[in-house]
Amino acid sequence: MPYKEKPIEKLYYSIGEVAKTLNVNVSLVRFWEKEFDILQPKKNKKGNRMFTATDFENLKLIFHLVKERGFTLEGAKNKLKENKEDTINNFEIISRLKEIRSFLVELKEGL
């Protein structure tokens, strides 16, 4: 049986990587860090922000609420405080559906 290496998962993401993945400015990520208390990035000795996987998922959730669903910052904060579990579940469902859709489009183009 051949040996399979596990894909390497990063422990920390730089603010630049996070901003590039979300396709937003670095300043917006910094702003959201100040506005939302669920974001707690670590800072190294130089003061660079290092986001954990949990922080990154929370940023994706904030991006979904603010940019994709059109919530105001106050609305997004309230939504996360009221029922964070429901919001996370809905976000995961939407993300999975987008993945399925892109797979089906790719499959259709291959025919």
PDB file of N, CA and C in Angstrom:
ATOM      1  N   MET A   1       0.844  -1.175   0.000  1.00  0.00           N
ATOM      2  CA  MET A   1       0.000   0.000   0.000  1.00  0.00           C
ATOM      3  C   MET A   1       0.891   1.241   0.000  1.00  0.00           C
ATOM      4  N   PRO A   2       0.712   2.136  -0.974  1.00  0.00           N
ATOM      5  CA  PRO A   2       1.600   3.300  -1.061  1.00  0.00           C
ATOM      6  C   PRO A   2       1.376   4.270   0.099  1.00  0.00           C
ATOM      7  N   TYR A   3       2.443   4.924   0.442  1.00  0.00           N
ATOM      8  CA  TYR A   3       2.412   5.897   1.526  1.00  0.00           C
ATOM      9  C   TYR A   3       1.865   7.212   1.001  1.00  0.00           C
ATOM     10  N   LYS A   4       0.854   7.733   1.695  1.00  0.00           N
ATOM     11  CA  LYS A   4       0.276   9.024   1.303  1.00  0.00           C
ATOM     12  C   LYS A   4       0.557  10.038   2.393  1.00  0.00           C
ATOM     13  N   GLU A   5       1.134  11.128   2.000  1.00  0.00           N
ATOM     14  CA  GLU A   5       1.365  12.196   2.955  1.00  0.00           C
ATOM     15  C   GLU A   5       0.110  13.037   3.078  1.00  0.00           C
ATOM     16  N   LYS A   6      -0.149  13.478   4.284  1.00  0.00           N
ATOM     17  CA  LYS A   6      -1.276  14.368   4.506  1.00  0.00           C
ATOM     18  C   LYS A   6      -0.926  15.741   3.955  1.00  0.00           C
ATOM     19  N   PRO A   7      -1.913  16.420   3.398  1.00  0.00           N
ATOM     20  CA  PRO A   7      -1.606  17.787   2.954  1.00  0.00           C
ATOM     21  C   PRO A   7      -1.244  18.654   4.157  1.00  0.00           C
ATOM     22  N   ILE A   8      -0.301  19.507   3.959  1.00  0.00           N
ATOM     23  CA  ILE A   8       0.170  20.352   5.048  1.00  0.00           C
ATOM     24  C   ILE A   8      -0.849  21.453   5.292  1.00  0.00           C
ATOM     25  N   GLU A   9      -1.292  21.552   6.532  1.00  0.00           N
ATOM     26  CA  GLU A   9      -2.233  22.599   6.911  1.00  0.00           C
ATOM     27  C   GLU A   9      -1.474  23.672   7.669  1.00  0.00           C
ATOM     28  N   LYS A  10      -1.707  24.896   7.286  1.00  0.00           N
ATOM     29  CA  LYS A  10      -1.016  25.994   7.934  1.00  0.00           C
ATOM     30  C   LYS A  10      -1.632  26.258   9.302  1.00  0.00           C
ATOM     31  N   LEU A  11      -0.794  26.613  10.251  1.00  0.00           N
ATOM     32  CA  LEU A  11      -1.283  26.983  11.577  1.00  0.00           C
ATOM     33  C   LEU A  11      -1.649  28.455  11.630  1.00  0.00           C
ATOM     34  N   TYR A  12      -0.888  29.270  10.910  1.00  0.00           N
ATOM     35  CA  TYR A  12      -1.123  30.709  10.924  1.00  0.00           C
ATOM     36  C   TYR A  12      -1.108  31.269   9.507  1.00  0.00           C
ATOM     37  N   TYR A  13      -1.959  32.254   9.286  1.00  0.00           N
ATOM     38  CA  TYR A  13      -2.038  32.934   8.002  1.00  0.00           C
ATOM     39  C   TYR A  13      -1.696  34.403   8.221  1.00  0.00           C
ATOM     40  N   SER A  14      -0.917  34.962   7.301  1.00  0.00           N
ATOM     41  CA  SER A  14      -0.592  36.384   7.410  1.00  0.00           C
ATOM     42  C   SER A  14      -1.791  37.194   6.953  1.00  0.00           C
ATOM     43  N   ILE A  15      -1.794  38.468   7.311  1.00  0.00           N
ATOM     44  CA  ILE A  15      -2.913  39.328   6.949  1.00  0.00           C
ATOM     45  C   ILE A  15      -2.996  39.486   5.427  1.00  0.00           C
ATOM     46  N   GLY A  16      -1.859  39.452   4.757  1.00  0.00           N
ATOM     47  CA  GLY A  16      -1.843  39.533   3.303  1.00  0.00           C
ATOM     48  C   GLY A  16      -2.491  38.322   2.644  1.00  0.00           C
ATOM     49  N   GLU A  17      -2.197  37.138   3.176  1.00  0.00           N
ATOM     50  CA  GLU A  17      -2.803  35.913   2.640  1.00  0.00           C
ATOM     51  C   GLU A  17      -4.311  35.924   2.835  1.00  0.00           C
ATOM     52  N   VAL A  18      -4.746  36.366   4.003  1.00  0.00           N
ATOM     53  CA  VAL A  18      -6.178  36.423   4.301  1.00  0.00           C
ATOM     54  C   VAL A  18      -6.866  37.399   3.361  1.00  0.00           C
ATOM     55  N   ALA A  19      -6.284  38.580   3.192  1.00  0.00           N
ATOM     56  CA  ALA A  19      -6.880  39.597   2.330  1.00  0.00           C
ATOM     57  C   ALA A  19      -6.929  39.129   0.876  1.00  0.00           C
ATOM     58  N   LYS A  20      -5.877  38.468   0.424  1.00  0.00           N
ATOM     59  CA  LYS A  20      -5.843  37.983  -0.950  1.00  0.00           C
ATOM     60  C   LYS A  20      -6.894  36.900  -1.172  1.00  0.00           C
ATOM     61  N   THR A  21      -7.058  36.002  -0.223  1.00  0.00           N
ATOM     62  CA  THR A  21      -8.041  34.933  -0.342  1.00  0.00           C
ATOM     63  C   THR A  21      -9.461  35.488  -0.387  1.00  0.00           C
ATOM     64  N   LEU A  22      -9.735  36.491   0.444  1.00  0.00           N
ATOM     65  CA  LEU A  22     -11.071  37.081   0.487  1.00  0.00           C
ATOM     66  C   LEU A  22     -11.263  38.147  -0.594  1.00  0.00           C
ATOM     67  N   ASN A  23     -10.180  38.510  -1.283  1.00  0.00           N
ATOM     68  CA  ASN A  23     -10.206  39.533  -2.330  1.00  0.00           C
ATOM     69  C   ASN A  23     -10.657  40.892  -1.774  1.00  0.00           C
ATOM     70  N   VAL A  24     -10.063  41.262  -0.649  1.00  0.00           N
ATOM     71  CA  VAL A  24     -10.331  42.563  -0.026  1.00  0.00           C
ATOM     72  C   VAL A  24      -8.994  43.218   0.305  1.00  0.00           C
ATOM     73  N   ASN A  25      -9.038  44.471   0.702  1.00  0.00           N
ATOM     74  CA  ASN A  25      -7.828  45.185   1.104  1.00  0.00           C
ATOM     75  C   ASN A  25      -7.388  44.760   2.500  1.00  0.00           C
ATOM     76  N   VAL A  26      -6.093  44.873   2.751  1.00  0.00           N
ATOM     77  CA  VAL A  26      -5.541  44.554   4.067  1.00  0.00           C
ATOM     78  C   VAL A  26      -6.144  45.477   5.125  1.00  0.00           C
ATOM     79  N   SER A  27      -6.385  46.729   4.748  1.00  0.00           N
ATOM     80  CA  SER A  27      -6.947  47.686   5.704  1.00  0.00           C
ATOM     81  C   SER A  27      -8.351  47.275   6.154  1.00  0.00           C
ATOM     82  N   LEU A  28      -9.116  46.634   5.275  1.00  0.00           N
ATOM     83  CA  LEU A  28     -10.450  46.172   5.646  1.00  0.00           C
ATOM     84  C   LEU A  28     -10.362  45.049   6.667  1.00  0.00           C
ATOM     85  N   VAL A  29      -9.393  44.163   6.512  1.00  0.00           N
ATOM     86  CA  VAL A  29      -9.196  43.075   7.485  1.00  0.00           C
ATOM     87  C   VAL A  29      -8.823  43.671   8.842  1.00  0.00           C
ATOM     88  N   ARG A  30      -7.940  44.674   8.848  1.00  0.00           N
ATOM     89  CA  ARG A  30      -7.565  45.338  10.097  1.00  0.00           C
ATOM     90  C   ARG A  30      -8.781  46.004  10.741  1.00  0.00           C
ATOM     91  N   PHE A  31      -9.609  46.637   9.916  1.00  0.00           N
ATOM     92  CA  PHE A  31     -10.811  47.305  10.413  1.00  0.00           C
ATOM     93  C   PHE A  31     -11.773  46.299  11.043  1.00  0.00           C
ATOM     94  N   TRP A  32     -11.989  45.183  10.359  1.00  0.00           N
ATOM     95  CA  TRP A  32     -12.887  44.155  10.905  1.00  0.00           C
ATOM     96  C   TRP A  32     -12.339  43.585  12.211  1.00  0.00           C
ATOM     97  N   GLU A  33     -11.020  43.502  12.311  1.00  0.00           N
ATOM     98  CA  GLU A  33     -10.410  43.004  13.547  1.00  0.00           C
ATOM     99  C   GLU A  33     -10.780  43.900  14.726  1.00  0.00           C
ATOM    100  N   LYS A  34     -10.807  45.213  14.481  1.00  0.00           N
ATOM    101  CA  LYS A  34     -11.165  46.153  15.543  1.00  0.00           C
ATOM    102  C   LYS A  34     -12.656  46.113  15.857  1.00  0.00           C
ATOM    103  N   GLU A  35     -13.472  45.901  14.838  1.00  0.00           N
ATOM    104  CA  GLU A  35     -14.931  45.959  14.993  1.00  0.00           C
ATOM    105  C   GLU A  35     -15.525  44.692  15.601  1.00  0.00           C
ATOM    106  N   PHE A  36     -14.996  43.531  15.250  1.00  0.00           N
ATOM    107  CA  PHE A  36     -15.576  42.260  15.689  1.00  0.00           C
ATOM    108  C   PHE A  36     -14.690  41.631  16.750  1.00  0.00           C
ATOM    109  N   ASP A  37     -15.280  41.372  17.912  1.00  0.00           N
ATOM    110  CA  ASP A  37     -14.498  40.819  19.018  1.00  0.00           C
ATOM    111  C   ASP A  37     -14.228  39.325  18.871  1.00  0.00           C
ATOM    112  N   ILE A  38     -14.824  38.665  17.870  1.00  0.00           N
ATOM    113  CA  ILE A  38     -14.527  37.238  17.674  1.00  0.00           C
ATOM    114  C   ILE A  38     -13.194  37.037  16.970  1.00  0.00           C
ATOM    115  N   LEU A  39     -12.609  38.104  16.451  1.00  0.00           N
ATOM    116  CA  LEU A  39     -11.309  38.023  15.796  1.00  0.00           C
ATOM    117  C   LEU A  39     -10.219  38.384  16.797  1.00  0.00           C
ATOM    118  N   GLN A  40      -9.344  37.454  17.057  1.00  0.00           N
ATOM    119  CA  GLN A  40      -8.244  37.672  17.993  1.00  0.00           C
ATOM    120  C   GLN A  40      -6.936  37.141  17.399  1.00  0.00           C
ATOM    121  N   PRO A  41      -6.396  37.815  16.368  1.00  0.00           N
ATOM    122  CA  PRO A  41      -5.151  37.310  15.782  1.00  0.00           C
ATOM    123  C   PRO A  41      -3.977  37.489  16.740  1.00  0.00           C
ATOM    124  N   LYS A  42      -3.046  36.568  16.630  1.00  0.00           N
ATOM    125  CA  LYS A  42      -1.816  36.671  17.410  1.00  0.00           C
ATOM    126  C   LYS A  42      -0.893  37.662  16.703  1.00  0.00           C
ATOM    127  N   LYS A  43      -0.010  38.256  17.466  1.00  0.00           N
ATOM    128  CA  LYS A  43       0.980  39.156  16.857  1.00  0.00           C
ATOM    129  C   LYS A  43       2.366  38.641  17.218  1.00  0.00           C
ATOM    130  N   ASN A  44       3.245  38.636  16.220  1.00  0.00           N
ATOM    131  CA  ASN A  44       4.607  38.187  16.486  1.00  0.00           C
ATOM    132  C   ASN A  44       5.421  39.344  17.062  1.00  0.00           C
ATOM    133  N   LYS A  45       6.714  39.141  17.235  1.00  0.00           N
ATOM    134  CA  LYS A  45       7.561  40.163  17.846  1.00  0.00           C
ATOM    135  C   LYS A  45       7.616  41.452  17.037  1.00  0.00           C
ATOM    136  N   LYS A  46       7.458  41.332  15.738  1.00  0.00           N
ATOM    137  CA  LYS A  46       7.453  42.512  14.878  1.00  0.00           C
ATOM    138  C   LYS A  46       6.116  43.240  14.908  1.00  0.00           C
ATOM    139  N   GLY A  47       5.080  42.577  15.420  1.00  0.00           N
ATOM    140  CA  GLY A  47       3.754  43.174  15.446  1.00  0.00           C
ATOM    141  C   GLY A  47       2.883  42.760  14.275  1.00  0.00           C
ATOM    142  N   ASN A  48       3.377  41.813  13.465  1.00  0.00           N
ATOM    143  CA  ASN A  48       2.585  41.318  12.337  1.00  0.00           C
ATOM    144  C   ASN A  48       1.462  40.423  12.841  1.00  0.00           C
ATOM    145  N   ARG A  49       0.286  40.590  12.267  1.00  0.00           N
ATOM    146  CA  ARG A  49      -0.859  39.777  12.665  1.00  0.00           C
ATOM    147  C   ARG A  49      -0.750  38.396  12.034  1.00  0.00           C
ATOM    148  N   MET A  50      -0.995  37.386  12.854  1.00  0.00           N
ATOM    149  CA  MET A  50      -0.989  36.014  12.379  1.00  0.00           C
ATOM    150  C   MET A  50      -2.343  35.399  12.756  1.00  0.00           C
ATOM    151  N   PHE A  51      -3.151  35.101  11.752  1.00  0.00           N
ATOM    152  CA  PHE A  51      -4.498  34.596  11.965  1.00  0.00           C
ATOM    153  C   PHE A  51      -4.492  33.076  12.031  1.00  0.00           C
ATOM    154  N   THR A  52      -5.181  32.525  13.022  1.00  0.00           N
ATOM    155  CA  THR A  52      -5.331  31.078  13.131  1.00  0.00           C
ATOM    156  C   THR A  52      -6.414  30.628  12.159  1.00  0.00           C
ATOM    157  N   ALA A  53      -6.577  29.320  12.034  1.00  0.00           N
ATOM    158  CA  ALA A  53      -7.615  28.781  11.150  1.00  0.00           C
ATOM    159  C   ALA A  53      -9.001  29.218  11.635  1.00  0.00           C
ATOM    160  N   THR A  54      -9.188  29.299  12.957  1.00  0.00           N
ATOM    161  CA  THR A  54     -10.471  29.748  13.514  1.00  0.00           C
ATOM    162  C   THR A  54     -10.729  31.203  13.149  1.00  0.00           C
ATOM    163  N   ASP A  55      -9.709  32.040  13.289  1.00  0.00           N
ATOM    164  CA  ASP A  55      -9.847  33.446  12.901  1.00  0.00           C
ATOM    165  C   ASP A  55     -10.177  33.564  11.418  1.00  0.00           C
ATOM    166  N   PHE A  56      -9.530  32.740  10.605  1.00  0.00           N
ATOM    167  CA  PHE A  56      -9.755  32.775   9.169  1.00  0.00           C
ATOM    168  C   PHE A  56     -11.196  32.387   8.838  1.00  0.00           C
ATOM    169  N   GLU A  57     -11.710  31.361   9.507  1.00  0.00           N
ATOM    170  CA  GLU A  57     -13.110  30.955   9.294  1.00  0.00           C
ATOM    171  C   GLU A  57     -14.064  32.062   9.746  1.00  0.00           C
ATOM    172  N   ASN A  58     -13.751  32.711  10.864  1.00  0.00           N
ATOM    173  CA  ASN A  58     -14.586  33.820  11.329  1.00  0.00           C
ATOM    174  C   ASN A  58     -14.559  34.983  10.333  1.00  0.00           C
ATOM    175  N   LEU A  59     -13.407  35.246   9.740  1.00  0.00           N
ATOM    176  CA  LEU A  59     -13.316  36.298   8.721  1.00  0.00           C
ATOM    177  C   LEU A  59     -14.147  35.949   7.496  1.00  0.00           C
ATOM    178  N   LYS A  60     -14.126  34.683   7.107  1.00  0.00           N
ATOM    179  CA  LYS A  60     -14.958  34.257   5.982  1.00  0.00           C
ATOM    180  C   LYS A  60     -16.433  34.461   6.301  1.00  0.00           C
ATOM    181  N   LEU A  61     -16.813  34.171   7.535  1.00  0.00           N
ATOM    182  CA  LEU A  61     -18.196  34.352   7.966  1.00  0.00           C
ATOM    183  C   LEU A  61     -18.581  35.832   7.955  1.00  0.00           C
ATOM    184  N   ILE A  62     -17.709  36.684   8.442  1.00  0.00           N
ATOM    185  CA  ILE A  62     -17.960  38.131   8.436  1.00  0.00           C
ATOM    186  C   ILE A  62     -18.058  38.627   6.997  1.00  0.00           C
ATOM    187  N   PHE A  63     -17.158  38.159   6.137  1.00  0.00           N
ATOM    188  CA  PHE A  63     -17.195  38.545   4.724  1.00  0.00           C
ATOM    189  C   PHE A  63     -18.533  38.139   4.109  1.00  0.00           C
ATOM    190  N   HIS A  64     -18.978  36.932   4.414  1.00  0.00           N
ATOM    191  CA  HIS A  64     -20.253  36.449   3.875  1.00  0.00           C
ATOM    192  C   HIS A  64     -21.412  37.341   4.315  1.00  0.00           C
ATOM    193  N   LEU A  65     -21.432  37.676   5.605  1.00  0.00           N
ATOM    194  CA  LEU A  65     -22.534  38.492   6.114  1.00  0.00           C
ATOM    195  C   LEU A  65     -22.504  39.910   5.538  1.00  0.00           C
ATOM    196  N   VAL A  66     -21.336  40.529   5.528  1.00  0.00           N
ATOM    197  CA  VAL A  66     -21.245  41.937   5.139  1.00  0.00           C
ATOM    198  C   VAL A  66     -21.246  42.117   3.623  1.00  0.00           C
ATOM    199  N   LYS A  67     -20.413  41.378   2.928  1.00  0.00           N
ATOM    200  CA  LYS A  67     -20.249  41.601   1.490  1.00  0.00           C
ATOM    201  C   LYS A  67     -21.264  40.842   0.642  1.00  0.00           C
ATOM    202  N   GLU A  68     -21.562  39.599   1.004  1.00  0.00           N
ATOM    203  CA  GLU A  68     -22.436  38.792   0.163  1.00  0.00           C
ATOM    204  C   GLU A  68     -23.913  38.955   0.525  1.00  0.00           C
ATOM    205  N   ARG A  69     -24.210  39.040   1.813  1.00  0.00           N
ATOM    206  CA  ARG A  69     -25.612  39.154   2.226  1.00  0.00           C
ATOM    207  C   ARG A  69     -26.043  40.597   2.451  1.00  0.00           C
ATOM    208  N   GLY A  70     -25.093  41.538   2.503  1.00  0.00           N
ATOM    209  CA  GLY A  70     -25.422  42.948   2.587  1.00  0.00           C
ATOM    210  C   GLY A  70     -25.770  43.461   3.974  1.00  0.00           C
ATOM    211  N   PHE A  71     -25.321  42.781   5.013  1.00  0.00           N
ATOM    212  CA  PHE A  71     -25.559  43.247   6.376  1.00  0.00           C
ATOM    213  C   PHE A  71     -24.718  44.484   6.657  1.00  0.00           C
ATOM    214  N   THR A  72     -25.216  45.357   7.526  1.00  0.00           N
ATOM    215  CA  THR A  72     -24.378  46.434   8.037  1.00  0.00           C
ATOM    216  C   THR A  72     -23.455  45.831   9.085  1.00  0.00           C
ATOM    217  N   LEU A  73     -22.464  46.594   9.522  1.00  0.00           N
ATOM    218  CA  LEU A  73     -21.561  46.066  10.555  1.00  0.00           C
ATOM    219  C   LEU A  73     -22.317  45.775  11.840  1.00  0.00           C
ATOM    220  N   GLU A  74     -23.224  46.668  12.217  1.00  0.00           N
ATOM    221  CA  GLU A  74     -24.016  46.446  13.437  1.00  0.00           C
ATOM    222  C   GLU A  74     -24.915  45.229  13.272  1.00  0.00           C
ATOM    223  N   GLY A  75     -25.498  45.089  12.092  1.00  0.00           N
ATOM    224  CA  GLY A  75     -26.358  43.940  11.824  1.00  0.00           C
ATOM    225  C   GLY A  75     -25.587  42.637  11.890  1.00  0.00           C
ATOM    226  N   ALA A  76     -24.384  42.632  11.336  1.00  0.00           N
ATOM    227  CA  ALA A  76     -23.547  41.432  11.366  1.00  0.00           C
ATOM    228  C   ALA A  76     -23.131  41.105  12.796  1.00  0.00           C
ATOM    229  N   LYS A  77     -22.788  42.121  13.580  1.00  0.00           N
ATOM    230  CA  LYS A  77     -22.420  41.894  14.985  1.00  0.00           C
ATOM    231  C   LYS A  77     -23.587  41.283  15.742  1.00  0.00           C
ATOM    232  N   ASN A  78     -24.783  41.845  15.549  1.00  0.00           N
ATOM    233  CA  ASN A  78     -25.971  41.328  16.236  1.00  0.00           C
ATOM    234  C   ASN A  78     -26.287  39.902  15.802  1.00  0.00           C
ATOM    235  N   LYS A  79     -26.152  39.627  14.525  1.00  0.00           N
ATOM    236  CA  LYS A  79     -26.426  38.285  14.003  1.00  0.00           C
ATOM    237  C   LYS A  79     -25.481  37.268  14.626  1.00  0.00           C
ATOM    238  N   LEU A  80     -24.207  37.650  14.766  1.00  0.00           N
ATOM    239  CA  LEU A  80     -23.230  36.737  15.365  1.00  0.00           C
ATOM    240  C   LEU A  80     -23.456  36.562  16.865  1.00  0.00           C
ATOM    241  N   LYS A  81     -23.958  37.593  17.538  1.00  0.00           N
ATOM    242  CA  LYS A  81     -24.217  37.492  18.971  1.00  0.00           C
ATOM    243  C   LYS A  81     -25.473  36.686  19.257  1.00  0.00           C
ATOM    244  N   GLU A  82     -26.522  36.904  18.446  1.00  0.00           N
ATOM    245  CA  GLU A  82     -27.808  36.243  18.685  1.00  0.00           C
ATOM    246  C   GLU A  82     -27.715  34.732  18.492  1.00  0.00           C
ATOM    247  N   ASN A  83     -27.434  34.342  17.275  1.00  0.00           N
ATOM    248  CA  ASN A  83     -27.435  32.912  16.960  1.00  0.00           C
ATOM    249  C   ASN A  83     -26.281  32.579  16.031  1.00  0.00           C
ATOM    250  N   LYS A  84     -25.113  32.491  16.608  1.00  0.00           N
ATOM    251  CA  LYS A  84     -23.905  32.239  15.827  1.00  0.00           C
ATOM    252  C   LYS A  84     -23.952  30.853  15.189  1.00  0.00           C
ATOM    253  N   GLU A  85     -24.507  29.872  15.902  1.00  0.00           N
ATOM    254  CA  GLU A  85     -24.550  28.508  15.377  1.00  0.00           C
ATOM    255  C   GLU A  85     -25.371  28.417  14.098  1.00  0.00           C
ATOM    256  N   ASP A  86     -26.542  29.055  14.080  1.00  0.00           N
ATOM    257  CA  ASP A  86     -27.380  29.041  12.882  1.00  0.00           C
ATOM    258  C   ASP A  86     -26.678  29.746  11.724  1.00  0.00           C
ATOM    259  N   THR A  87     -26.028  30.846  12.028  1.00  0.00           N
ATOM    260  CA  THR A  87     -25.315  31.595  10.998  1.00  0.00           C
ATOM    261  C   THR A  87     -24.186  30.751  10.417  1.00  0.00           C
ATOM    262  N   ILE A  88     -23.447  30.061  11.262  1.00  0.00           N
ATOM    263  CA  ILE A  88     -22.355  29.205  10.801  1.00  0.00           C
ATOM    264  C   ILE A  88     -22.899  28.054   9.960  1.00  0.00           C
ATOM    265  N   ASN A  89     -23.991  27.443  10.415  1.00  0.00           N
ATOM    266  CA  ASN A  89     -24.582  26.341   9.651  1.00  0.00           C
ATOM    267  C   ASN A  89     -25.043  26.804   8.275  1.00  0.00           C
ATOM    268  N   ASN A  90     -25.700  27.959   8.208  1.00  0.00           N
ATOM    269  CA  ASN A  90     -26.149  28.491   6.922  1.00  0.00           C
ATOM    270  C   ASN A  90     -24.962  28.796   6.006  1.00  0.00           C
ATOM    271  N   PHE A  91     -23.913  29.357   6.578  1.00  0.00           N
ATOM    272  CA  PHE A  91     -22.714  29.680   5.801  1.00  0.00           C
ATOM    273  C   PHE A  91     -22.082  28.411   5.241  1.00  0.00           C
ATOM    274  N   GLU A  92     -22.008  27.357   6.058  1.00  0.00           N
ATOM    275  CA  GLU A  92     -21.419  26.097   5.603  1.00  0.00           C
ATOM    276  C   GLU A  92     -22.252  25.475   4.487  1.00  0.00           C
ATOM    277  N   ILE A  93     -23.575  25.561   4.605  1.00  0.00           N
ATOM    278  CA  ILE A  93     -24.455  25.023   3.567  1.00  0.00           C
ATOM    279  C   ILE A  93     -24.252  25.781   2.261  1.00  0.00           C
ATOM    280  N   ILE A  94     -24.212  27.104   2.343  1.00  0.00           N
ATOM    281  CA  ILE A  94     -24.030  27.922   1.147  1.00  0.00           C
ATOM    282  C   ILE A  94     -22.668  27.644   0.506  1.00  0.00           C
ATOM    283  N   SER A  95     -21.632  27.518   1.322  1.00  0.00           N
ATOM    284  CA  SER A  95     -20.297  27.229   0.793  1.00  0.00           C
ATOM    285  C   SER A  95     -20.275  25.880   0.076  1.00  0.00           C
ATOM    286  N   ARG A  96     -20.891  24.898   0.678  1.00  0.00           N
ATOM    287  CA  ARG A  96     -20.928  23.560   0.075  1.00  0.00           C
ATOM    288  C   ARG A  96     -21.709  23.575  -1.237  1.00  0.00           C
ATOM    289  N   LEU A  97     -22.824  24.307  -1.267  1.00  0.00           N
ATOM    290  CA  LEU A  97     -23.610  24.405  -2.493  1.00  0.00           C
ATOM    291  C   LEU A  97     -22.824  25.096  -3.604  1.00  0.00           C
ATOM    292  N   LYS A  98     -22.032  26.100  -3.254  1.00  0.00           N
ATOM    293  CA  LYS A  98     -21.189  26.772  -4.257  1.00  0.00           C
ATOM    294  C   LYS A  98     -20.151  25.808  -4.821  1.00  0.00           C
ATOM    295  N   GLU A  99     -19.574  24.965  -3.952  1.00  0.00           N
ATOM    296  CA  GLU A  99     -18.602  23.978  -4.410  1.00  0.00           C
ATOM    297  C   GLU A  99     -19.249  22.986  -5.368  1.00  0.00           C
ATOM    298  N   ILE A 100     -20.444  22.528  -5.028  1.00  0.00           N
ATOM    299  CA  ILE A 100     -21.159  21.575  -5.878  1.00  0.00           C
ATOM    300  C   ILE A 100     -21.489  22.211  -7.220  1.00  0.00           C
ATOM    301  N   ARG A 101     -21.930  23.471  -7.182  1.00  0.00           N
ATOM    302  CA  ARG A 101     -22.273  24.163  -8.417  1.00  0.00           C
ATOM    303  C   ARG A 101     -21.053  24.299  -9.319  1.00  0.00           C
ATOM    304  N   SER A 102     -19.913  24.688  -8.740  1.00  0.00           N
ATOM    305  CA  SER A 102     -18.709  24.849  -9.564  1.00  0.00           C
ATOM    306  C   SER A 102     -18.271  23.502 -10.148  1.00  0.00           C
ATOM    307  N   PHE A 103     -18.432  22.422  -9.375  1.00  0.00           N
ATOM    308  CA  PHE A 103     -18.103  21.092  -9.879  1.00  0.00           C
ATOM    309  C   PHE A 103     -19.012  20.722 -11.044  1.00  0.00           C
ATOM    310  N   LEU A 104     -20.310  20.988 -10.911  1.00  0.00           N
ATOM    311  CA  LEU A 104     -21.250  20.664 -11.977  1.00  0.00           C
ATOM    312  C   LEU A 104     -21.000  21.483 -13.235  1.00  0.00           C
ATOM    313  N   VAL A 105     -20.657  22.767 -13.060  1.00  0.00           N
ATOM    314  CA  VAL A 105     -20.345  23.620 -14.224  1.00  0.00           C
ATOM    315  C   VAL A 105     -19.101  23.076 -14.929  1.00  0.00           C
ATOM    316  N   GLU A 106     -18.113  22.705 -14.143  1.00  0.00           N
ATOM    317  CA  GLU A 106     -16.881  22.149 -14.704  1.00  0.00           C
ATOM    318  C   GLU A 106     -17.168  20.850 -15.439  1.00  0.00           C
ATOM    319  N   LEU A 107     -18.015  20.025 -14.867  1.00  0.00           N
ATOM    320  CA  LEU A 107     -18.397  18.751 -15.484  1.00  0.00           C
ATOM    321  C   LEU A 107     -19.134  18.995 -16.791  1.00  0.00           C
ATOM    322  N   LYS A 108     -20.035  19.973 -16.789  1.00  0.00           N
ATOM    323  CA  LYS A 108     -20.806  20.306 -17.994  1.00  0.00           C
ATOM    324  C   LYS A 108     -19.891  20.781 -19.115  1.00  0.00           C
ATOM    325  N   GLU A 109     -18.889  21.616 -18.763  1.00  0.00           N
ATOM    326  CA  GLU A 109     -17.960  22.116 -19.764  1.00  0.00           C
ATOM    327  C   GLU A 109     -17.088  20.998 -20.336  1.00  0.00           C
ATOM    328  N   GLY A 110     -16.869  19.960 -19.547  1.00  0.00           N
ATOM    329  CA  GLY A 110     -16.052  18.825 -19.988  1.00  0.00           C
ATOM    330  C   GLY A 110     -16.777  17.899 -20.954  1.00  0.00           C
ATOM    331  N   LEU A 111     -18.090  18.038 -21.045  1.00  0.00           N
ATOM    332  CA  LEU A 111     -18.853  17.162 -21.945  1.00  0.00           C
ATOM    333  C   LEU A 111     -18.800  17.604 -23.378  1.00  0.00           C
TER     334      LEU A 111
END
